[in-house]
C-alpha cells in the first residue's frame, strides 16, 4: 500500500472514530502531499511523501520553539499532537550510535580535521543516514562536537 493511500485510509478511520485532532493533522498532510504532487506534475512516490512528512515535522518543531518562547502552551500542545500523528509515517529514528558511526565514517572518508570541513562531512553523513529518520540539526551538532568546536 502506498503511503498516500495509507493517509487516505487513516483519514477515513479518524472520521469514523471522531478523532478531530488526528483528522486535522491528516488532512493537513494530505493537502501538503497533493500540493507537492501538483508542483511536481506527477503523483508522489513513497520517498517523496516521506520528504513531505519530514518537512512538516520540521515546520512543527520550529513552530513549537517559537510558541514556547511566546508562552503559548496551547499552541505548543497542538503542534506536539500533530508531530505525533506525522511521525507515525516516518521510518524509525536513527539511534545515536548510528549517527556516531556515520559521522566517524564520513570524517575518515573526507579527511576532515576542523570545523571548516563541516560542509564536506555533512554532505557525506546525510546519505549514510538515508532511510532512517535523522534530525539534521542533531546530526549537525554531533558533527560539530566531533570536529572539536
Protein backbone atom coordinates (compact mmCIF):
# COMPACT_ATOMS: atom_id res chain seq x y z
CA UNK A 1 0.00 0.00 0.00
CA UNK A 2 1.35 3.41 -0.97
CA UNK A 3 1.90 5.89 1.82
CA UNK A 4 -0.62 8.38 0.40
CA UNK A 5 -3.23 5.60 0.22
CA UNK A 6 -2.49 4.82 3.88
CA UNK A 7 -3.04 8.50 4.72
CA UNK A 8 -6.42 8.41 2.96
CA UNK A 9 -7.41 5.24 4.84
CA UNK A 10 -6.31 6.81 8.13
CA UNK A 11 -8.40 9.91 7.37
CA UNK A 12 -11.46 7.70 6.96
CA UNK A 13 -10.65 5.89 10.21
CA UNK A 14 -10.22 9.21 12.06
CA UNK A 15 -13.57 10.40 10.72
CA UNK A 16 -15.30 7.24 11.92
CA UNK A 17 -13.70 7.47 15.36
CA UNK A 18 -14.45 11.22 15.55
CA UNK A 19 -10.82 11.99 16.43
CA UNK A 20 -10.77 15.68 15.46
CA UNK A 21 -7.11 16.37 16.30
CA UNK A 22 -5.85 13.38 14.29
CA UNK A 23 -8.22 14.17 11.43
CA UNK A 24 -6.98 17.75 11.25
CA UNK A 25 -3.32 16.67 11.12
CA UNK A 26 -4.05 14.02 8.48
CA UNK A 27 -5.99 16.44 6.30
CA UNK A 28 -3.11 18.91 6.53
CA UNK A 29 -0.73 16.10 5.48
CA UNK A 30 -2.97 15.11 2.56
CA UNK A 31 -3.15 18.72 1.38
CA UNK A 32 0.64 19.05 1.55
CA UNK A 33 1.07 15.81 -0.42
CA UNK A 34 -1.42 16.97 -3.06
CA UNK A 35 0.23 20.40 -3.33
CA UNK A 36 3.67 18.84 -3.77
CA UNK A 37 2.24 16.47 -6.41
CA UNK A 38 0.78 19.41 -8.32
CA UNK A 39 4.07 21.27 -8.02
CA UNK A 40 5.99 18.28 -9.41
CA UNK A 41 3.30 17.45 -12.01
CA UNK A 42 3.05 13.79 -11.03
CA UNK A 43 1.81 11.56 -8.24
CA UNK A 44 4.39 11.33 -5.49
CA UNK A 45 6.12 8.06 -4.70
CA UNK A 46 6.73 6.96 -1.12
CA UNK A 47 10.18 8.59 -0.91
CA UNK A 48 8.73 11.96 -1.94
CA UNK A 49 5.84 11.56 0.50
CA UNK A 50 8.37 10.88 3.27
CA UNK A 51 10.15 14.12 2.36
CA UNK A 52 6.86 15.99 2.67
CA UNK A 53 6.16 14.38 6.06
CA UNK A 54 9.65 15.16 7.38
CA UNK A 55 9.41 18.78 6.23
CA UNK A 56 6.05 19.12 8.01
CA UNK A 57 7.56 17.66 11.19
CA UNK A 58 10.45 20.12 10.93
CA UNK A 59 7.99 23.01 10.49
CA UNK A 60 6.08 21.87 13.58
CA UNK A 61 9.29 21.69 15.64
CA UNK A 62 10.22 25.22 14.59
CA UNK A 63 6.71 26.39 15.50
CA UNK A 64 6.94 24.72 18.90
CA UNK A 65 10.19 26.55 19.56
CA UNK A 66 8.59 29.90 18.66
CA UNK A 67 5.38 29.23 20.62
CA UNK A 68 7.40 28.18 23.68
CA UNK A 69 9.29 31.47 23.61
CA UNK A 70 5.96 33.32 23.39
CA UNK A 71 4.45 31.29 26.25
CA UNK A 72 1.65 29.83 24.10
CA UNK A 73 1.37 26.38 25.68
CA UNK A 74 -1.99 25.76 23.97
CA UNK A 75 -0.35 26.01 20.54
CA UNK A 76 2.66 24.02 21.70
CA UNK A 77 0.32 21.18 22.70
CA UNK A 78 -1.48 21.33 19.33
CA UNK A 79 1.77 21.21 17.35
CA UNK A 80 3.12 18.39 19.54
CA UNK A 81 -0.01 16.37 18.82
CA UNK A 82 0.43 16.94 15.09
CA UNK A 83 4.06 15.79 15.28
CA UNK A 84 2.92 12.59 16.99
CA UNK A 85 0.49 11.87 14.15
CA UNK A 86 3.03 12.73 11.43
CA UNK A 87 5.89 10.72 12.95
CA UNK A 88 3.81 7.54 12.56
CA UNK A 89 4.53 7.80 8.81
CA UNK A 90 8.28 8.26 9.18
CA UNK A 91 10.80 5.42 9.46
CA UNK A 92 12.23 4.77 12.94
CA UNK A 93 14.62 7.43 14.19
CA UNK A 94 18.33 6.86 13.76
CA UNK A 95 19.98 5.94 17.04
CA UNK A 96 22.84 7.95 18.49
CA UNK A 97 25.16 5.01 17.72
CA UNK A 98 24.06 5.02 14.06
CA UNK A 99 24.68 8.74 13.80
CA UNK A 100 28.08 8.49 15.51
CA UNK A 101 29.14 5.63 13.22
CA UNK A 102 28.06 7.54 10.11
CA UNK A 103 29.92 10.64 11.30
CA UNK A 104 33.09 8.66 12.05
CA UNK A 105 32.97 7.06 8.58
CA UNK A 106 32.38 10.42 6.91
CA UNK A 107 35.24 12.10 8.80
CA UNK A 108 37.57 9.25 7.83
CA UNK A 109 36.41 9.42 4.20
CA UNK A 110 36.72 13.19 3.85
CA UNK A 111 39.83 13.59 5.99
CA UNK A 112 38.15 16.39 7.91
CA UNK A 113 40.17 17.89 10.73
CA UNK A 114 38.39 21.06 11.79
CA UNK A 115 35.04 22.81 11.85
CA UNK A 116 35.94 24.37 8.50
CA UNK A 117 35.25 20.94 6.98
CA UNK A 118 31.65 20.79 8.32
CA UNK A 119 30.11 21.07 4.84
CA UNK A 120 32.10 18.16 3.45
CA UNK A 121 31.32 15.96 6.45
CA UNK A 122 27.59 16.79 6.44
CA UNK A 123 27.43 16.07 2.70
CA UNK A 124 28.98 12.64 3.35
CA UNK A 125 26.96 11.85 6.51
CA UNK A 126 23.40 12.52 5.34
CA UNK A 127 23.35 9.91 2.52
CA UNK A 128 24.60 7.32 5.04
CA UNK A 129 21.55 8.08 7.19
CA UNK A 130 19.08 7.94 4.29
CA UNK A 131 16.14 5.67 5.06
CA UNK A 132 16.45 6.49 8.75
CA UNK A 133 14.73 9.39 10.39
CA UNK A 134 17.70 11.58 11.35
CA UNK A 135 17.21 15.17 12.50
CA UNK A 136 19.62 17.34 10.52
CA UNK A 137 20.10 19.73 13.42
CA UNK A 138 21.09 16.90 15.78
CA UNK A 139 23.48 15.47 13.18
CA UNK A 140 24.99 18.92 12.65
CA UNK A 141 25.58 19.36 16.38
CA UNK A 142 27.15 15.89 16.64
CA UNK A 143 29.49 16.64 13.69
CA UNK A 144 30.43 19.94 15.31
CA UNK A 145 31.30 18.14 18.58
CA UNK A 146 33.38 15.50 16.76
CA UNK A 147 35.31 18.15 14.86
CA UNK A 148 36.11 19.88 18.14
CA UNK A 149 34.13 23.10 18.06
